[in-house]
Amino acid sequence: MKVEELTAKVLDENPNMDRYQLALAVAKRSDELLNGATSKLNIDPKSIKAADLALMEIAQGLIKIKGFADLEK
């Protein structure tokens, strides 16, 4: 999936989040990955950029972002 499609998917599924907040979450997860955190996907982290990998993890719901839970549930 393209980055634009992943971004749209995350924002559609999380109406309480805007692009700026998503960018902050992706940046934080990217830093974690670059500092040795293991990916939750079966993808070689050396074959993909950390930011793309972080966005993919968030889009698939493997990474929960604190403060953006759906309050209606």
PDB file of N, CA and C in Angstrom:
ATOM      1  N   MET A   1       0.828  -1.175   0.000  1.00  0.00           N
ATOM      2  CA  MET A   1       0.000   0.000   0.000  1.00  0.00           C
ATOM      3  C   MET A   1       0.879   1.247   0.000  1.00  0.00           C
ATOM      4  N   LYS A   2       0.423   2.278  -0.672  1.00  0.00           N
ATOM      5  CA  LYS A   2       1.165   3.528  -0.717  1.00  0.00           C
ATOM      6  C   LYS A   2       1.032   4.269   0.606  1.00  0.00           C
ATOM      7  N   VAL A   3       1.974   5.144   0.857  1.00  0.00           N
ATOM      8  CA  VAL A   3       1.987   5.921   2.094  1.00  0.00           C
ATOM      9  C   VAL A   3       0.702   6.738   2.221  1.00  0.00           C
ATOM     10  N   GLU A   4       0.243   7.310   1.119  1.00  0.00           N
ATOM     11  CA  GLU A   4      -0.979   8.118   1.146  1.00  0.00           C
ATOM     12  C   GLU A   4      -2.187   7.275   1.536  1.00  0.00           C
ATOM     13  N   GLU A   5      -2.247   6.052   1.025  1.00  0.00           N
ATOM     14  CA  GLU A   5      -3.359   5.156   1.343  1.00  0.00           C
ATOM     15  C   GLU A   5      -3.314   4.731   2.807  1.00  0.00           C
ATOM     16  N   LEU A   6      -2.117   4.437   3.314  1.00  0.00           N
ATOM     17  CA  LEU A   6      -1.976   4.062   4.719  1.00  0.00           C
ATOM     18  C   LEU A   6      -2.374   5.217   5.631  1.00  0.00           C
ATOM     19  N   THR A   7      -1.939   6.414   5.273  1.00  0.00           N
ATOM     20  CA  THR A   7      -2.276   7.594   6.064  1.00  0.00           C
ATOM     21  C   THR A   7      -3.780   7.798   6.093  1.00  0.00           C
ATOM     22  N   ALA A   8      -4.418   7.697   4.935  1.00  0.00           N
ATOM     23  CA  ALA A   8      -5.871   7.868   4.862  1.00  0.00           C
ATOM     24  C   ALA A   8      -6.586   6.798   5.682  1.00  0.00           C
ATOM     25  N   LYS A   9      -6.088   5.565   5.638  1.00  0.00           N
ATOM     26  CA  LYS A   9      -6.703   4.478   6.400  1.00  0.00           C
ATOM     27  C   LYS A   9      -6.648   4.752   7.901  1.00  0.00           C
ATOM     28  N   VAL A  10      -5.480   5.162   8.389  1.00  0.00           N
ATOM     29  CA  VAL A  10      -5.319   5.442   9.818  1.00  0.00           C
ATOM     30  C   VAL A  10      -6.230   6.586  10.237  1.00  0.00           C
ATOM     31  N   LEU A  11      -6.273   7.643   9.446  1.00  0.00           N
ATOM     32  CA  LEU A  11      -7.091   8.804   9.794  1.00  0.00           C
ATOM     33  C   LEU A  11      -8.584   8.489   9.721  1.00  0.00           C
ATOM     34  N   ASP A  12      -8.983   7.630   8.791  1.00  0.00           N
ATOM     35  CA  ASP A  12     -10.394   7.219   8.705  1.00  0.00           C
ATOM     36  C   ASP A  12     -10.800   6.389   9.914  1.00  0.00           C
ATOM     37  N   GLU A  13      -9.918   5.513  10.364  1.00  0.00           N
ATOM     38  CA  GLU A  13     -10.222   4.628  11.483  1.00  0.00           C
ATOM     39  C   GLU A  13     -10.082   5.323  12.838  1.00  0.00           C
ATOM     40  N   ASN A  14      -9.427   6.472  12.875  1.00  0.00           N
ATOM     41  CA  ASN A  14      -9.209   7.221  14.113  1.00  0.00           C
ATOM     42  C   ASN A  14      -9.680   8.657  13.925  1.00  0.00           C
ATOM     43  N   PRO A  15     -10.978   8.905  14.031  1.00  0.00           N
ATOM     44  CA  PRO A  15     -11.484  10.263  13.776  1.00  0.00           C
ATOM     45  C   PRO A  15     -11.005  11.302  14.781  1.00  0.00           C
ATOM     46  N   ASN A  16     -10.485  10.881  15.929  1.00  0.00           N
ATOM     47  CA  ASN A  16      -9.997  11.823  16.935  1.00  0.00           C
ATOM     48  C   ASN A  16      -8.563  12.265  16.659  1.00  0.00           C
ATOM     49  N   MET A  17      -7.959  11.773  15.586  1.00  0.00           N
ATOM     50  CA  MET A  17      -6.563  12.057  15.279  1.00  0.00           C
ATOM     51  C   MET A  17      -6.482  12.889  13.999  1.00  0.00           C
ATOM     52  N   ASP A  18      -5.547  13.832  13.972  1.00  0.00           N
ATOM     53  CA  ASP A  18      -5.311  14.579  12.739  1.00  0.00           C
ATOM     54  C   ASP A  18      -3.932  14.215  12.178  1.00  0.00           C
ATOM     55  N   ARG A  19      -3.601  14.759  11.031  1.00  0.00           N
ATOM     56  CA  ARG A  19      -2.339  14.418  10.359  1.00  0.00           C
ATOM     57  C   ARG A  19      -1.119  14.764  11.210  1.00  0.00           C
ATOM     58  N   TYR A  20      -1.194  15.868  11.918  1.00  0.00           N
ATOM     59  CA  TYR A  20      -0.070  16.282  12.750  1.00  0.00           C
ATOM     60  C   TYR A  20       0.185  15.262  13.861  1.00  0.00           C
ATOM     61  N   GLN A  21      -0.871  14.814  14.507  1.00  0.00           N
ATOM     62  CA  GLN A  21      -0.733  13.838  15.585  1.00  0.00           C
ATOM     63  C   GLN A  21      -0.220  12.507  15.043  1.00  0.00           C
ATOM     64  N   LEU A  22      -0.694  12.129  13.852  1.00  0.00           N
ATOM     65  CA  LEU A  22      -0.209  10.897  13.226  1.00  0.00           C
ATOM     66  C   LEU A  22       1.282  11.024  12.909  1.00  0.00           C
ATOM     67  N   ALA A  23       1.688  12.178  12.424  1.00  0.00           N
ATOM     68  CA  ALA A  23       3.103  12.389  12.112  1.00  0.00           C
ATOM     69  C   ALA A  23       3.962  12.252  13.369  1.00  0.00           C
ATOM     70  N   LEU A  24       3.467  12.768  14.490  1.00  0.00           N
ATOM     71  CA  LEU A  24       4.205  12.637  15.747  1.00  0.00           C
ATOM     72  C   LEU A  24       4.313  11.170  16.173  1.00  0.00           C
ATOM     73  N   ALA A  25       3.212  10.420  16.011  1.00  0.00           N
ATOM     74  CA  ALA A  25       3.219   9.005  16.384  1.00  0.00           C
ATOM     75  C   ALA A  25       4.170   8.210  15.489  1.00  0.00           C
ATOM     76  N   VAL A  26       4.164   8.503  14.201  1.00  0.00           N
ATOM     77  CA  VAL A  26       5.061   7.813  13.268  1.00  0.00           C
ATOM     78  C   VAL A  26       6.512   8.150  13.602  1.00  0.00           C
ATOM     79  N   ALA A  27       6.776   9.401  13.914  1.00  0.00           N
ATOM     80  CA  ALA A  27       8.147   9.801  14.262  1.00  0.00           C
ATOM     81  C   ALA A  27       8.624   9.091  15.520  1.00  0.00           C
ATOM     82  N   LYS A  28       7.759   8.998  16.527  1.00  0.00           N
ATOM     83  CA  LYS A  28       8.154   8.329  17.775  1.00  0.00           C
ATOM     84  C   LYS A  28       8.434   6.848  17.524  1.00  0.00           C
ATOM     85  N   ARG A  29       7.542   6.187  16.777  1.00  0.00           N
ATOM     86  CA  ARG A  29       7.751   4.769  16.505  1.00  0.00           C
ATOM     87  C   ARG A  29       8.986   4.559  15.626  1.00  0.00           C
ATOM     88  N   SER A  30       9.231   5.464  14.685  1.00  0.00           N
ATOM     89  CA  SER A  30      10.426   5.374  13.839  1.00  0.00           C
ATOM     90  C   SER A  30      11.688   5.442  14.685  1.00  0.00           C
ATOM     91  N   ASP A  31      11.694   6.365  15.646  1.00  0.00           N
ATOM     92  CA  ASP A  31      12.847   6.466  16.550  1.00  0.00           C
ATOM     93  C   ASP A  31      13.048   5.165  17.316  1.00  0.00           C
ATOM     94  N   GLU A  32      11.952   4.575  17.789  1.00  0.00           N
ATOM     95  CA  GLU A  32      12.051   3.308  18.513  1.00  0.00           C
ATOM     96  C   GLU A  32      12.661   2.230  17.621  1.00  0.00           C
ATOM     97  N   LEU A  33      12.191   2.160  16.374  1.00  0.00           N
ATOM     98  CA  LEU A  33      12.702   1.147  15.444  1.00  0.00           C
ATOM     99  C   LEU A  33      14.182   1.372  15.140  1.00  0.00           C
ATOM    100  N   LEU A  34      14.552   2.624  14.954  1.00  0.00           N
ATOM    101  CA  LEU A  34      15.951   2.936  14.660  1.00  0.00           C
ATOM    102  C   LEU A  34      16.860   2.670  15.860  1.00  0.00           C
ATOM    103  N   ASN A  35      16.292   2.692  17.051  1.00  0.00           N
ATOM    104  CA  ASN A  35      17.080   2.450  18.262  1.00  0.00           C
ATOM    105  C   ASN A  35      17.019   0.994  18.724  1.00  0.00           C
ATOM    106  N   GLY A  36      16.552   0.104  17.850  1.00  0.00           N
ATOM    107  CA  GLY A  36      16.643  -1.320  18.139  1.00  0.00           C
ATOM    108  C   GLY A  36      15.357  -2.042  18.482  1.00  0.00           C
ATOM    109  N   ALA A  37      14.215  -1.347  18.490  1.00  0.00           N
ATOM    110  CA  ALA A  37      12.949  -2.042  18.763  1.00  0.00           C
ATOM    111  C   ALA A  37      12.647  -3.017  17.630  1.00  0.00           C
ATOM    112  N   THR A  38      12.045  -4.133  17.976  1.00  0.00           N
ATOM    113  CA  THR A  38      11.699  -5.127  16.957  1.00  0.00           C
ATOM    114  C   THR A  38      10.391  -4.758  16.280  1.00  0.00           C
ATOM    115  N   SER A  39      10.358  -4.968  14.990  1.00  0.00           N
ATOM    116  CA  SER A  39       9.155  -4.690  14.221  1.00  0.00           C
ATOM    117  C   SER A  39       8.094  -5.736  14.529  1.00  0.00           C
ATOM    118  N   LYS A  40       6.863  -5.329  14.503  1.00  0.00           N
ATOM    119  CA  LYS A  40       5.765  -6.250  14.740  1.00  0.00           C
ATOM    120  C   LYS A  40       5.257  -6.860  13.428  1.00  0.00           C
ATOM    121  N   LEU A  41       5.902  -6.525  12.338  1.00  0.00           N
ATOM    122  CA  LEU A  41       5.569  -7.076  11.029  1.00  0.00           C
ATOM    123  C   LEU A  41       6.668  -8.026  10.574  1.00  0.00           C
ATOM    124  N   ASN A  42       6.326  -8.911   9.681  1.00  0.00           N
ATOM    125  CA  ASN A  42       7.306  -9.858   9.129  1.00  0.00           C
ATOM    126  C   ASN A  42       8.015  -9.239   7.928  1.00  0.00           C
ATOM    127  N   ILE A  43       8.637  -8.104   8.157  1.00  0.00           N
ATOM    128  CA  ILE A  43       9.349  -7.395   7.096  1.00  0.00           C
ATOM    129  C   ILE A  43      10.759  -7.113   7.594  1.00  0.00           C
ATOM    130  N   ASP A  44      11.723  -7.316   6.721  1.00  0.00           N
ATOM    131  CA  ASP A  44      13.105  -7.017   7.082  1.00  0.00           C
ATOM    132  C   ASP A  44      13.243  -5.509   7.249  1.00  0.00           C
ATOM    133  N   PRO A  45      13.562  -5.030   8.445  1.00  0.00           N
ATOM    134  CA  PRO A  45      13.632  -3.593   8.682  1.00  0.00           C
ATOM    135  C   PRO A  45      14.715  -2.889   7.865  1.00  0.00           C
ATOM    136  N   LYS A  46      15.644  -3.631   7.325  1.00  0.00           N
ATOM    137  CA  LYS A  46      16.691  -3.019   6.508  1.00  0.00           C
ATOM    138  C   LYS A  46      16.234  -2.802   5.072  1.00  0.00           C
ATOM    139  N   SER A  47      15.096  -3.400   4.697  1.00  0.00           N
ATOM    140  CA  SER A  47      14.615  -3.277   3.325  1.00  0.00           C
ATOM    141  C   SER A  47      13.576  -2.165   3.162  1.00  0.00           C
ATOM    142  N   ILE A  48      13.253  -1.464   4.247  1.00  0.00           N
ATOM    143  CA  ILE A  48      12.216  -0.440   4.205  1.00  0.00           C
ATOM    144  C   ILE A  48      12.595   0.680   5.166  1.00  0.00           C
ATOM    145  N   LYS A  49      12.166   1.877   4.858  1.00  0.00           N
ATOM    146  CA  LYS A  49      12.445   3.011   5.737  1.00  0.00           C
ATOM    147  C   LYS A  49      11.699   2.844   7.050  1.00  0.00           C
ATOM    148  N   ALA A  50      12.301   3.311   8.126  1.00  0.00           N
ATOM    149  CA  ALA A  50      11.703   3.178   9.453  1.00  0.00           C
ATOM    150  C   ALA A  50      10.348   3.879   9.533  1.00  0.00           C
ATOM    151  N   ALA A  51      10.220   5.035   8.898  1.00  0.00           N
ATOM    152  CA  ALA A  51       8.955   5.772   8.936  1.00  0.00           C
ATOM    153  C   ALA A  51       7.843   5.001   8.218  1.00  0.00           C
ATOM    154  N   ASP A  52       8.177   4.381   7.096  1.00  0.00           N
ATOM    155  CA  ASP A  52       7.181   3.583   6.363  1.00  0.00           C
ATOM    156  C   ASP A  52       6.764   2.366   7.181  1.00  0.00           C
ATOM    157  N   LEU A  53       7.727   1.733   7.812  1.00  0.00           N
ATOM    158  CA  LEU A  53       7.443   0.576   8.652  1.00  0.00           C
ATOM    159  C   LEU A  53       6.569   0.965   9.839  1.00  0.00           C
ATOM    160  N   ALA A  54       6.874   2.094  10.456  1.00  0.00           N
ATOM    161  CA  ALA A  54       6.073   2.575  11.580  1.00  0.00           C
ATOM    162  C   ALA A  54       4.644   2.861  11.152  1.00  0.00           C
ATOM    163  N   LEU A  55       4.474   3.500  10.005  1.00  0.00           N
ATOM    164  CA  LEU A  55       3.132   3.800   9.500  1.00  0.00           C
ATOM    165  C   LEU A  55       2.372   2.520   9.191  1.00  0.00           C
ATOM    166  N   MET A  56       3.047   1.523   8.637  1.00  0.00           N
ATOM    167  CA  MET A  56       2.398   0.241   8.348  1.00  0.00           C
ATOM    168  C   MET A  56       1.937  -0.432   9.638  1.00  0.00           C
ATOM    169  N   GLU A  57       2.759  -0.391  10.680  1.00  0.00           N
ATOM    170  CA  GLU A  57       2.386  -0.997  11.960  1.00  0.00           C
ATOM    171  C   GLU A  57       1.174  -0.289  12.564  1.00  0.00           C
ATOM    172  N   ILE A  58       1.159   1.027  12.491  1.00  0.00           N
ATOM    173  CA  ILE A  58       0.034   1.792  13.033  1.00  0.00           C
ATOM    174  C   ILE A  58      -1.234   1.515  12.226  1.00  0.00           C
ATOM    175  N   ALA A  59      -1.113   1.470  10.899  1.00  0.00           N
ATOM    176  CA  ALA A  59      -2.273   1.233  10.033  1.00  0.00           C
ATOM    177  C   ALA A  59      -2.893  -0.142  10.267  1.00  0.00           C
ATOM    178  N   GLN A  60      -2.068  -1.126  10.592  1.00  0.00           N
ATOM    179  CA  GLN A  60      -2.582  -2.471  10.833  1.00  0.00           C
ATOM    180  C   GLN A  60      -3.042  -2.673  12.268  1.00  0.00           C
ATOM    181  N   GLY A  61      -2.926  -1.639  13.083  1.00  0.00           N
ATOM    182  CA  GLY A  61      -3.399  -1.720  14.460  1.00  0.00           C
ATOM    183  C   GLY A  61      -2.457  -2.459  15.391  1.00  0.00           C
ATOM    184  N   LEU A  62      -1.223  -2.659  14.963  1.00  0.00           N
ATOM    185  CA  LEU A  62      -0.257  -3.376  15.792  1.00  0.00           C
ATOM    186  C   LEU A  62       0.351  -2.471  16.854  1.00  0.00           C
ATOM    187  N   ILE A  63       0.282  -1.177  16.622  1.00  0.00           N
ATOM    188  CA  ILE A  63       0.808  -0.185  17.560  1.00  0.00           C
ATOM    189  C   ILE A  63      -0.363   0.673  18.015  1.00  0.00           C
ATOM    190  N   LYS A  64      -0.576   0.741  19.304  1.00  0.00           N
ATOM    191  CA  LYS A  64      -1.630   1.587  19.859  1.00  0.00           C
ATOM    192  C   LYS A  64      -1.024   2.936  20.221  1.00  0.00           C
ATOM    193  N   ILE A  65      -1.746   3.980  19.901  1.00  0.00           N
ATOM    194  CA  ILE A  65      -1.277   5.323  20.174  1.00  0.00           C
ATOM    195  C   ILE A  65      -2.057   5.857  21.366  1.00  0.00           C
ATOM    196  N   LYS A  66      -1.363   6.135  22.438  1.00  0.00           N
ATOM    197  CA  LYS A  66      -2.019   6.619  23.650  1.00  0.00           C
ATOM    198  C   LYS A  66      -2.655   7.976  23.395  1.00  0.00           C
ATOM    199  N   GLY A  67      -3.865   8.141  23.935  1.00  0.00           N
ATOM    200  CA  GLY A  67      -4.549   9.422  23.827  1.00  0.00           C
ATOM    201  C   GLY A  67      -5.468   9.542  22.635  1.00  0.00           C
ATOM    202  N   PHE A  68      -5.487   8.526  21.761  1.00  0.00           N
ATOM    203  CA  PHE A  68      -6.333   8.596  20.577  1.00  0.00           C
ATOM    204  C   PHE A  68      -7.302   7.422  20.503  1.00  0.00           C
ATOM    205  N   ALA A  69      -7.686   6.902  21.655  1.00  0.00           N
ATOM    206  CA  ALA A  69      -8.624   5.793  21.672  1.00  0.00           C
ATOM    207  C   ALA A  69     -10.000   6.305  21.299  1.00  0.00           C
ATOM    208  N   ASP A  70     -10.789   5.440  20.707  1.00  0.00           N
ATOM    209  CA  ASP A  70     -12.148   5.810  20.342  1.00  0.00           C
ATOM    210  C   ASP A  70     -12.990   5.898  21.608  1.00  0.00           C
ATOM    211  N   LEU A  71     -13.428   7.081  21.956  1.00  0.00           N
ATOM    212  CA  LEU A  71     -14.134   7.304  23.197  1.00  0.00           C
ATOM    213  C   LEU A  71     -15.591   6.845  23.152  1.00  0.00           C
ATOM    214  N   GLU A  72     -16.115   6.545  21.960  1.00  0.00           N
ATOM    215  CA  GLU A  72     -17.510   6.148  21.828  1.00  0.00           C
ATOM    216  C   GLU A  72     -17.744   4.692  22.178  1.00  0.00           C
ATOM    217  N   LYS A  73     -16.721   3.898  22.245  1.00  0.00           N
ATOM    218  CA  LYS A  73     -16.889   2.453  22.504  1.00  0.00           C
ATOM    219  C   LYS A  73     -17.067   2.180  23.958  1.00  0.00           C
TER     220      LYS A  73
END
